[in-house]
Amino acid sequence: MAKATVRLYDEDRQLLERLAPKFGGREETLREALRRLAADQDRREALSAFLAEWARECGPPDEEAVAAMAERYGL
């Protein structure tokens, strides 16, 4: 397992301390944050690919369609 040193601002340290009990400690909280950040990035990339394919097949979506999708999927 790799080891990393992270310097945190006071506000970030306070967030980490607040969340640590919920996720099993500071290290587990940071691991969970990385996993969630990666999953969020994967979702954004998948949406971008979907919209690009849609635009190729059907033309670009109109703003109303994008707003409806954003609301429906909580984006």
C-alpha atoms as a PDB file:
ATOM      1  CA  MET A   1       0.000   0.000   0.000  1.00  0.00           C
ATOM      2  CA  ALA A   2       1.315   3.429  -0.942  1.00  0.00           C
ATOM      3  CA  LYS A   3       1.656   6.111   1.660  1.00  0.00           C
ATOM      4  CA  ALA A   4       0.924   9.791   1.050  1.00  0.00           C
ATOM      5  CA  THR A   5       1.241  12.929   3.095  1.00  0.00           C
ATOM      6  CA  VAL A   6      -1.531  15.482   2.724  1.00  0.00           C
ATOM      7  CA  ARG A   7      -1.373  19.016   4.053  1.00  0.00           C
ATOM      8  CA  LEU A   8      -4.806  20.335   4.918  1.00  0.00           C
ATOM      9  CA  TYR A   9      -6.100  23.807   5.567  1.00  0.00           C
ATOM     10  CA  ASP A  10      -7.776  24.182   8.951  1.00  0.00           C
ATOM     11  CA  GLU A  11     -11.231  24.097   7.351  1.00  0.00           C
ATOM     12  CA  ASP A  12     -10.418  20.863   5.526  1.00  0.00           C
ATOM     13  CA  ARG A  13      -8.962  19.311   8.669  1.00  0.00           C
ATOM     14  CA  GLN A  14     -12.155  20.167  10.526  1.00  0.00           C
ATOM     15  CA  LEU A  15     -14.214  18.524   7.786  1.00  0.00           C
ATOM     16  CA  LEU A  16     -12.025  15.438   7.976  1.00  0.00           C
ATOM     17  CA  GLU A  17     -12.371  15.250  11.748  1.00  0.00           C
ATOM     18  CA  ARG A  18     -16.141  15.657  11.475  1.00  0.00           C
ATOM     19  CA  LEU A  19     -16.472  12.897   8.879  1.00  0.00           C
ATOM     20  CA  ALA A  20     -13.890  10.461  10.260  1.00  0.00           C
ATOM     21  CA  PRO A  21     -16.213   8.780  12.792  1.00  0.00           C
ATOM     22  CA  LYS A  22     -18.768   8.089  10.049  1.00  0.00           C
ATOM     23  CA  PHE A  23     -16.279   6.371   7.753  1.00  0.00           C
ATOM     24  CA  GLY A  24     -14.036   4.512  10.182  1.00  0.00           C
ATOM     25  CA  GLY A  25     -11.238   6.998  10.689  1.00  0.00           C
ATOM     26  CA  ARG A  26      -9.331   9.643   8.808  1.00  0.00           C
ATOM     27  CA  GLU A  27      -7.609   7.291   6.371  1.00  0.00           C
ATOM     28  CA  GLU A  28     -10.852   5.532   5.460  1.00  0.00           C
ATOM     29  CA  THR A  29     -12.562   8.894   5.036  1.00  0.00           C
ATOM     30  CA  LEU A  30      -9.888  10.021   2.583  1.00  0.00           C
ATOM     31  CA  ARG A  31     -10.112   6.710   0.703  1.00  0.00           C
ATOM     32  CA  GLU A  32     -13.888   7.058   0.485  1.00  0.00           C
ATOM     33  CA  ALA A  33     -13.523  10.640  -0.750  1.00  0.00           C
ATOM     34  CA  LEU A  34     -11.157   9.490  -3.512  1.00  0.00           C
ATOM     35  CA  ARG A  35     -13.519   6.690  -4.537  1.00  0.00           C
ATOM     36  CA  ARG A  36     -16.475   9.074  -4.639  1.00  0.00           C
ATOM     37  CA  LEU A  37     -14.521  11.678  -6.583  1.00  0.00           C
ATOM     38  CA  ALA A  38     -13.458   9.032  -9.117  1.00  0.00           C
ATOM     39  CA  ALA A  39     -17.040   7.762  -9.440  1.00  0.00           C
ATOM     40  CA  ASP A  40     -18.292  11.317  -9.953  1.00  0.00           C
ATOM     41  CA  GLN A  41     -15.667  11.883 -12.649  1.00  0.00           C
ATOM     42  CA  ASP A  42     -16.630   8.594 -14.333  1.00  0.00           C
ATOM     43  CA  ARG A  43     -20.293   9.682 -14.377  1.00  0.00           C
ATOM     44  CA  ARG A  44     -19.394  13.050 -15.876  1.00  0.00           C
ATOM     45  CA  GLU A  45     -17.270  11.425 -18.577  1.00  0.00           C
ATOM     46  CA  ALA A  46     -20.048   8.923 -19.370  1.00  0.00           C
ATOM     47  CA  LEU A  47     -22.578  11.748 -19.656  1.00  0.00           C
ATOM     48  CA  SER A  48     -20.254  13.708 -21.892  1.00  0.00           C
ATOM     49  CA  ALA A  49     -19.754  10.673 -24.141  1.00  0.00           C
ATOM     50  CA  PHE A  50     -23.519  10.078 -24.216  1.00  0.00           C
ATOM     51  CA  LEU A  51     -24.213  13.686 -25.208  1.00  0.00           C
ATOM     52  CA  ALA A  52     -21.521  13.590 -27.897  1.00  0.00           C
ATOM     53  CA  GLU A  53     -23.010  10.402 -29.361  1.00  0.00           C
ATOM     54  CA  TRP A  54     -26.489  11.907 -29.178  1.00  0.00           C
ATOM     55  CA  ALA A  55     -25.288  15.017 -30.999  1.00  0.00           C
ATOM     56  CA  ARG A  56     -23.707  12.871 -33.729  1.00  0.00           C
ATOM     57  CA  GLU A  57     -26.872  10.820 -34.195  1.00  0.00           C
ATOM     58  CA  CYS A  58     -29.632  13.358 -33.578  1.00  0.00           C
ATOM     59  CA  GLY A  59     -28.017  16.768 -33.629  1.00  0.00           C
ATOM     60  CA  PRO A  60     -27.197  18.787 -30.533  1.00  0.00           C
ATOM     61  CA  PRO A  61     -29.756  18.694 -27.734  1.00  0.00           C
ATOM     62  CA  ASP A  62     -31.676  21.882 -27.134  1.00  0.00           C
ATOM     63  CA  GLU A  63     -31.310  23.716 -23.850  1.00  0.00           C
ATOM     64  CA  GLU A  64     -34.721  22.584 -22.596  1.00  0.00           C
ATOM     65  CA  ALA A  65     -33.772  18.932 -23.115  1.00  0.00           C
ATOM     66  CA  VAL A  66     -30.493  19.417 -21.256  1.00  0.00           C
ATOM     67  CA  ALA A  67     -32.250  21.205 -18.375  1.00  0.00           C
ATOM     68  CA  ALA A  68     -34.836  18.418 -18.170  1.00  0.00           C
ATOM     69  CA  MET A  69     -32.111  15.749 -18.054  1.00  0.00           C
ATOM     70  CA  ALA A  70     -30.159  17.686 -15.431  1.00  0.00           C
ATOM     71  CA  GLU A  71     -33.226  17.959 -13.244  1.00  0.00           C
ATOM     72  CA  ARG A  72     -34.236  14.336 -13.781  1.00  0.00           C
ATOM     73  CA  TYR A  73     -30.789  12.943 -12.987  1.00  0.00           C
ATOM     74  CA  GLY A  74     -29.788  15.443 -10.316  1.00  0.00           C
ATOM     75  CA  LEU A  75     -26.885  16.941 -12.235  1.00  0.00           C
END
